[in-house]
Amino acid sequence: MIKLALKWEGEHEHEVSSALAAPQVGE
């Protein structure tokens, strides 16, 4: 989840990935 949050953030210049919940990745 941490790796995915950082990857997502790298693809979104103007946003910060502050957090992520397991249901957001299908768990």
PDB file of all heavy atoms in Angstrom:
ATOM      1  N   MET A   1       0.835  -1.208   0.000  1.00  0.00           N
ATOM      2  CA  MET A   1       0.000   0.000   0.000  1.00  0.00           C
ATOM      3  C   MET A   1       0.869   1.258   0.000  1.00  0.00           C
ATOM      4  O   MET A   1       0.562   2.233  -0.691  1.00  0.00           O
ATOM      5  CB  MET A   1      -0.945  -0.001   1.206  1.00  0.00           C
ATOM      6  CG  MET A   1      -2.076  -1.013   1.092  1.00  0.00           C
ATOM      7  SD  MET A   1      -3.010  -1.221   2.629  1.00  0.00           S
ATOM      8  CE  MET A   1      -3.666   0.431   2.890  1.00  0.00           C
ATOM      9  N   ILE A   2       1.946   1.245   0.764  1.00  0.00           N
ATOM     10  CA  ILE A   2       2.854   2.398   0.790  1.00  0.00           C
ATOM     11  C   ILE A   2       3.468   2.606  -0.582  1.00  0.00           C
ATOM     12  O   ILE A   2       3.497   3.735  -1.103  1.00  0.00           O
ATOM     13  CB  ILE A   2       3.943   2.205   1.873  1.00  0.00           C
ATOM     14  CG1 ILE A   2       3.302   2.250   3.270  1.00  0.00           C
ATOM     15  CG2 ILE A   2       5.039   3.259   1.737  1.00  0.00           C
ATOM     16  CD1 ILE A   2       4.204   1.772   4.389  1.00  0.00           C
ATOM     17  N   LYS A   3       3.942   1.536  -1.194  1.00  0.00           N
ATOM     18  CA  LYS A   3       4.533   1.642  -2.544  1.00  0.00           C
ATOM     19  C   LYS A   3       3.515   2.186  -3.539  1.00  0.00           C
ATOM     20  O   LYS A   3       3.838   3.040  -4.369  1.00  0.00           O
ATOM     21  CB  LYS A   3       5.054   0.285  -2.998  1.00  0.00           C
ATOM     22  CG  LYS A   3       6.293  -0.158  -2.260  1.00  0.00           C
ATOM     23  CD  LYS A   3       6.700  -1.573  -2.665  1.00  0.00           C
ATOM     24  CE  LYS A   3       7.879  -2.033  -1.831  1.00  0.00           C
ATOM     25  NZ  LYS A   3       8.127  -3.469  -1.966  1.00  0.00           N
ATOM     26  N   LEU A   4       2.282   1.705  -3.447  1.00  0.00           N
ATOM     27  CA  LEU A   4       1.243   2.155  -4.373  1.00  0.00           C
ATOM     28  C   LEU A   4       0.900   3.627  -4.139  1.00  0.00           C
ATOM     29  O   LEU A   4       0.732   4.387  -5.098  1.00  0.00           O
ATOM     30  CB  LEU A   4      -0.012   1.287  -4.226  1.00  0.00           C
ATOM     31  CG  LEU A   4      -1.157   1.595  -5.184  1.00  0.00           C
ATOM     32  CD1 LEU A   4      -0.729   1.439  -6.640  1.00  0.00           C
ATOM     33  CD2 LEU A   4      -2.356   0.704  -4.880  1.00  0.00           C
ATOM     34  N   ALA A   5       0.802   4.039  -2.877  1.00  0.00           N
ATOM     35  CA  ALA A   5       0.504   5.443  -2.567  1.00  0.00           C
ATOM     36  C   ALA A   5       1.585   6.358  -3.132  1.00  0.00           C
ATOM     37  O   ALA A   5       1.291   7.416  -3.703  1.00  0.00           O
ATOM     38  CB  ALA A   5       0.371   5.630  -1.054  1.00  0.00           C
ATOM     39  N   LEU A   6       2.839   5.968  -2.987  1.00  0.00           N
ATOM     40  CA  LEU A   6       3.945   6.783  -3.512  1.00  0.00           C
ATOM     41  C   LEU A   6       3.962   6.785  -5.040  1.00  0.00           C
ATOM     42  O   LEU A   6       4.244   7.815  -5.662  1.00  0.00           O
ATOM     43  CB  LEU A   6       5.275   6.296  -2.945  1.00  0.00           C
ATOM     44  CG  LEU A   6       5.462   6.546  -1.449  1.00  0.00           C
ATOM     45  CD1 LEU A   6       6.704   5.849  -0.932  1.00  0.00           C
ATOM     46  CD2 LEU A   6       5.497   8.044  -1.135  1.00  0.00           C
ATOM     47  N   LYS A   7       3.644   5.646  -5.643  1.00  0.00           N
ATOM     48  CA  LYS A   7       3.567   5.582  -7.111  1.00  0.00           C
ATOM     49  C   LYS A   7       2.462   6.514  -7.610  1.00  0.00           C
ATOM     50  O   LYS A   7       2.660   7.287  -8.550  1.00  0.00           O
ATOM     51  CB  LYS A   7       3.298   4.143  -7.555  1.00  0.00           C
ATOM     52  CG  LYS A   7       3.163   3.962  -9.059  1.00  0.00           C
ATOM     53  CD  LYS A   7       2.871   2.499  -9.401  1.00  0.00           C
ATOM     54  CE  LYS A   7       2.756   2.264 -10.885  1.00  0.00           C
ATOM     55  NZ  LYS A   7       1.525   2.779 -11.460  1.00  0.00           N
ATOM     56  N   TRP A   8       1.287   6.438  -6.964  1.00  0.00           N
ATOM     57  CA  TRP A   8       0.170   7.292  -7.358  1.00  0.00           C
ATOM     58  C   TRP A   8       0.574   8.762  -7.251  1.00  0.00           C
ATOM     59  O   TRP A   8       0.335   9.551  -8.160  1.00  0.00           O
ATOM     60  CB  TRP A   8      -1.040   7.011  -6.461  1.00  0.00           C
ATOM     61  CG  TRP A   8      -2.228   7.863  -6.775  1.00  0.00           C
ATOM     62  CD1 TRP A   8      -3.251   7.561  -7.631  1.00  0.00           C
ATOM     63  CD2 TRP A   8      -2.521   9.162  -6.261  1.00  0.00           C
ATOM     64  NE1 TRP A   8      -4.163   8.598  -7.665  1.00  0.00           N
ATOM     65  CE2 TRP A   8      -3.726   9.596  -6.834  1.00  0.00           C
ATOM     66  CE3 TRP A   8      -1.872  10.010  -5.370  1.00  0.00           C
ATOM     67  CZ2 TRP A   8      -4.299  10.824  -6.556  1.00  0.00           C
ATOM     68  CZ3 TRP A   8      -2.436  11.248  -5.078  1.00  0.00           C
ATOM     69  CH2 TRP A   8      -3.647  11.638  -5.671  1.00  0.00           C
ATOM     70  N   GLU A   9       1.195   9.097  -6.158  1.00  0.00           N
ATOM     71  CA  GLU A   9       1.608  10.481  -5.928  1.00  0.00           C
ATOM     72  C   GLU A   9       2.605  10.947  -7.003  1.00  0.00           C
ATOM     73  O   GLU A   9       2.550  12.093  -7.460  1.00  0.00           O
ATOM     74  CB  GLU A   9       2.234  10.572  -4.542  1.00  0.00           C
ATOM     75  CG  GLU A   9       2.821  11.901  -4.205  1.00  0.00           C
ATOM     76  CD  GLU A   9       3.356  11.878  -2.802  1.00  0.00           C
ATOM     77  OE1 GLU A   9       2.548  12.056  -1.881  1.00  0.00           O
ATOM     78  OE2 GLU A   9       4.573  11.673  -2.629  1.00  0.00           O
ATOM     79  N   GLY A  10       3.501  10.065  -7.409  1.00  0.00           N
ATOM     80  CA  GLY A  10       4.454  10.407  -8.456  1.00  0.00           C
ATOM     81  C   GLY A  10       3.784  10.721  -9.781  1.00  0.00           C
ATOM     82  O   GLY A  10       4.341  11.441 -10.616  1.00  0.00           O
ATOM     83  N   GLU A  11       2.578  10.199  -9.967  1.00  0.00           N
ATOM     84  CA  GLU A  11       1.820  10.428 -11.198  1.00  0.00           C
ATOM     85  C   GLU A  11       0.869  11.622 -11.085  1.00  0.00           C
ATOM     86  O   GLU A  11       0.179  11.958 -12.045  1.00  0.00           O
ATOM     87  CB  GLU A  11       1.017   9.168 -11.544  1.00  0.00           C
ATOM     88  CG  GLU A  11       1.902   7.966 -11.817  1.00  0.00           C
ATOM     89  CD  GLU A  11       1.141   6.650 -11.845  1.00  0.00           C
ATOM     90  OE1 GLU A  11      -0.080   6.635 -11.538  1.00  0.00           O
ATOM     91  OE2 GLU A  11       1.768   5.618 -12.159  1.00  0.00           O
ATOM     92  N   HIS A  12       0.811  12.263  -9.911  1.00  0.00           N
ATOM     93  CA  HIS A  12      -0.115  13.373  -9.664  1.00  0.00           C
ATOM     94  C   HIS A  12       0.664  14.533  -9.044  1.00  0.00           C
ATOM     95  O   HIS A  12       0.770  14.636  -7.821  1.00  0.00           O
ATOM     96  CB  HIS A  12      -1.262  12.914  -8.752  1.00  0.00           C
ATOM     97  CG  HIS A  12      -2.117  11.867  -9.384  1.00  0.00           C
ATOM     98  ND1 HIS A  12      -1.767  10.527  -9.399  1.00  0.00           N
ATOM     99  CD2 HIS A  12      -3.286  11.964 -10.046  1.00  0.00           C
ATOM    100  CE1 HIS A  12      -2.705   9.858 -10.046  1.00  0.00           C
ATOM    101  NE2 HIS A  12      -3.625  10.695 -10.450  1.00  0.00           N
ATOM    102  N   GLU A  13       1.176  15.372  -9.921  1.00  0.00           N
ATOM    103  CA  GLU A  13       2.085  16.450  -9.535  1.00  0.00           C
ATOM    104  C   GLU A  13       1.563  17.355  -8.426  1.00  0.00           C
ATOM    105  O   GLU A  13       2.313  17.768  -7.544  1.00  0.00           O
ATOM    106  CB  GLU A  13       2.405  17.285 -10.781  1.00  0.00           C
ATOM    107  CG  GLU A  13       3.277  18.474 -10.525  1.00  0.00           C
ATOM    108  CD  GLU A  13       3.495  19.315 -11.766  1.00  0.00           C
ATOM    109  OE1 GLU A  13       2.953  18.983 -12.842  1.00  0.00           O
ATOM    110  OE2 GLU A  13       4.206  20.321 -11.647  1.00  0.00           O
ATOM    111  N   HIS A  14       0.292  17.667  -8.439  1.00  0.00           N
ATOM    112  CA  HIS A  14      -0.256  18.664  -7.516  1.00  0.00           C
ATOM    113  C   HIS A  14      -0.955  18.058  -6.300  1.00  0.00           C
ATOM    114  O   HIS A  14      -1.672  18.754  -5.590  1.00  0.00           O
ATOM    115  CB  HIS A  14      -1.224  19.590  -8.252  1.00  0.00           C
ATOM    116  CG  HIS A  14      -0.559  20.343  -9.366  1.00  0.00           C
ATOM    117  ND1 HIS A  14       0.362  21.340  -9.126  1.00  0.00           N
ATOM    118  CD2 HIS A  14      -0.648  20.225 -10.707  1.00  0.00           C
ATOM    119  CE1 HIS A  14       0.803  21.815 -10.280  1.00  0.00           C
ATOM    120  NE2 HIS A  14       0.197  21.154 -11.255  1.00  0.00           N
ATOM    121  N   GLU A  15      -0.762  16.759  -6.058  1.00  0.00           N
ATOM    122  CA  GLU A  15      -1.446  16.128  -4.941  1.00  0.00           C
ATOM    123  C   GLU A  15      -0.467  15.350  -4.073  1.00  0.00           C
ATOM    124  O   GLU A  15       0.587  14.908  -4.541  1.00  0.00           O
ATOM    125  CB  GLU A  15      -2.557  15.200  -5.453  1.00  0.00           C
ATOM    126  CG  GLU A  15      -3.653  15.966  -6.185  1.00  0.00           C
ATOM    127  CD  GLU A  15      -4.756  15.072  -6.658  1.00  0.00           C
ATOM    128  OE1 GLU A  15      -4.600  14.459  -7.732  1.00  0.00           O
ATOM    129  OE2 GLU A  15      -5.771  14.970  -5.949  1.00  0.00           O
ATOM    130  N   VAL A  16      -0.834  15.202  -2.812  1.00  0.00           N
ATOM    131  CA  VAL A  16      -0.043  14.429  -1.854  1.00  0.00           C
ATOM    132  C   VAL A  16      -0.873  13.230  -1.423  1.00  0.00           C
ATOM    133  O   VAL A  16      -2.050  13.364  -1.102  1.00  0.00           O
ATOM    134  CB  VAL A  16       0.313  15.288  -0.607  1.00  0.00           C
ATOM    135  CG1 VAL A  16       1.049  14.458   0.427  1.00  0.00           C
ATOM    136  CG2 VAL A  16       1.132  16.501  -1.009  1.00  0.00           C
ATOM    137  N   SER A  17      -0.255  12.074  -1.398  1.00  0.00           N
ATOM    138  CA  SER A  17      -0.926  10.874  -0.918  1.00  0.00           C
ATOM    139  C   SER A  17      -0.682  10.790   0.589  1.00  0.00           C
ATOM    140  O   SER A  17       0.310  10.234   1.040  1.00  0.00           O
ATOM    141  CB  SER A  17      -0.365   9.648  -1.633  1.00  0.00           C
ATOM    142  OG  SER A  17      -0.998   8.497  -1.166  1.00  0.00           O
ATOM    143  N   SER A  18      -1.596  11.376   1.360  1.00  0.00           N
ATOM    144  CA  SER A  18      -1.430  11.441   2.817  1.00  0.00           C
ATOM    145  C   SER A  18      -1.703  10.115   3.497  1.00  0.00           C
ATOM    146  O   SER A  18      -1.140   9.825   4.561  1.00  0.00           O
ATOM    147  CB  SER A  18      -2.362  12.490   3.416  1.00  0.00           C
ATOM    148  OG  SER A  18      -2.038  13.768   2.934  1.00  0.00           O
ATOM    149  N   ALA A  19      -2.573   9.311   2.910  1.00  0.00           N
ATOM    150  CA  ALA A  19      -2.979   8.068   3.566  1.00  0.00           C
ATOM    151  C   ALA A  19      -3.729   7.193   2.562  1.00  0.00           C
ATOM    152  O   ALA A  19      -4.133   7.655   1.494  1.00  0.00           O
ATOM    153  CB  ALA A  19      -3.863   8.378   4.768  1.00  0.00           C
ATOM    154  N   LEU A  20      -3.924   5.955   2.964  1.00  0.00           N
ATOM    155  CA  LEU A  20      -4.651   5.004   2.121  1.00  0.00           C
ATOM    156  C   LEU A  20      -5.234   3.925   3.033  1.00  0.00           C
ATOM    157  O   LEU A  20      -4.571   3.496   3.985  1.00  0.00           O
ATOM    158  CB  LEU A  20      -3.681   4.382   1.103  1.00  0.00           C
ATOM    159  CG  LEU A  20      -4.246   3.501  -0.004  1.00  0.00           C
ATOM    160  CD1 LEU A  20      -5.146   4.288  -0.945  1.00  0.00           C
ATOM    161  CD2 LEU A  20      -3.100   2.868  -0.802  1.00  0.00           C
ATOM    162  N   ALA A  21      -6.452   3.514   2.741  1.00  0.00           N
ATOM    163  CA  ALA A  21      -7.112   2.456   3.513  1.00  0.00           C
ATOM    164  C   ALA A  21      -7.134   1.170   2.688  1.00  0.00           C
ATOM    165  O   ALA A  21      -7.263   1.215   1.464  1.00  0.00           O
ATOM    166  CB  ALA A  21      -8.537   2.870   3.868  1.00  0.00           C
ATOM    167  N   ALA A  22      -7.014   0.040   3.358  1.00  0.00           N
ATOM    168  CA  ALA A  22      -6.986  -1.255   2.673  1.00  0.00           C
ATOM    169  C   ALA A  22      -8.175  -1.461   1.716  1.00  0.00           C
ATOM    170  O   ALA A  22      -7.979  -1.999   0.619  1.00  0.00           O
ATOM    171  CB  ALA A  22      -6.901  -2.386   3.691  1.00  0.00           C
ATOM    172  N   PRO A  23      -9.396  -1.039   2.067  1.00  0.00           N
ATOM    173  CA  PRO A  23     -10.500  -1.231   1.112  1.00  0.00           C
ATOM    174  C   PRO A  23     -10.282  -0.513  -0.225  1.00  0.00           C
ATOM    175  O   PRO A  23     -10.829  -0.918  -1.243  1.00  0.00           O
ATOM    176  CB  PRO A  23     -11.714  -0.642   1.844  1.00  0.00           C
ATOM    177  CG  PRO A  23     -11.353  -0.709   3.286  1.00  0.00           C
ATOM    178  CD  PRO A  23      -9.868  -0.512   3.343  1.00  0.00           C
ATOM    179  N   GLN A  24      -9.469   0.531  -0.215  1.00  0.00           N
ATOM    180  CA  GLN A  24      -9.205   1.261  -1.458  1.00  0.00           C
ATOM    181  C   GLN A  24      -8.348   0.452  -2.434  1.00  0.00           C
ATOM    182  O   GLN A  24      -8.261   0.818  -3.607  1.00  0.00           O
ATOM    183  CB  GLN A  24      -8.520   2.592  -1.162  1.00  0.00           C
ATOM    184  CG  GLN A  24      -9.423   3.590  -0.461  1.00  0.00           C
ATOM    185  CD  GLN A  24      -8.676   4.874  -0.173  1.00  0.00           C
ATOM    186  OE1 GLN A  24      -8.034   5.014   0.856  1.00  0.00           O
ATOM    187  NE2 GLN A  24      -8.756   5.808  -1.120  1.00  0.00           N
ATOM    188  N   VAL A  25      -7.721  -0.610  -1.942  1.00  0.00           N
ATOM    189  CA  VAL A  25      -6.936  -1.477  -2.823  1.00  0.00           C
ATOM    190  C   VAL A  25      -7.582  -2.861  -2.932  1.00  0.00           C
ATOM    191  O   VAL A  25      -6.954  -3.826  -3.337  1.00  0.00           O
ATOM    192  CB  VAL A  25      -5.460  -1.581  -2.379  1.00  0.00           C
ATOM    193  CG1 VAL A  25      -4.796  -0.213  -2.436  1.00  0.00           C
ATOM    194  CG2 VAL A  25      -5.312  -2.205  -1.007  1.00  0.00           C
ATOM    195  N   GLY A  26      -8.858  -2.944  -2.534  1.00  0.00           N
ATOM    196  CA  GLY A  26      -9.613  -4.178  -2.700  1.00  0.00           C
ATOM    197  C   GLY A  26      -9.444  -5.192  -1.582  1.00  0.00           C
ATOM    198  O   GLY A  26      -9.848  -6.340  -1.731  1.00  0.00           O
ATOM    199  N   GLU A  27      -8.856  -4.777  -0.459  1.00  0.00           N
ATOM    200  CA  GLU A  27      -8.685  -5.674   0.686  1.00  0.00           C
ATOM    201  C   GLU A  27      -9.653  -5.239   1.778  1.00  0.00           C
ATOM    202  O   GLU A  27      -9.522  -4.148   2.329  1.00  0.00           O
ATOM    203  CB  GLU A  27      -7.239  -5.637   1.197  1.00  0.00           C
ATOM    204  CG  GLU A  27      -6.231  -6.144   0.199  1.00  0.00           C
ATOM    205  CD  GLU A  27      -6.355  -7.630  -0.086  1.00  0.00           C
ATOM    206  OE1 GLU A  27      -6.824  -8.385   0.797  1.00  0.00           O
ATOM    207  OE2 GLU A  27      -5.988  -8.042  -1.199  1.00  0.00           O
TER     208      GLU A  27
END
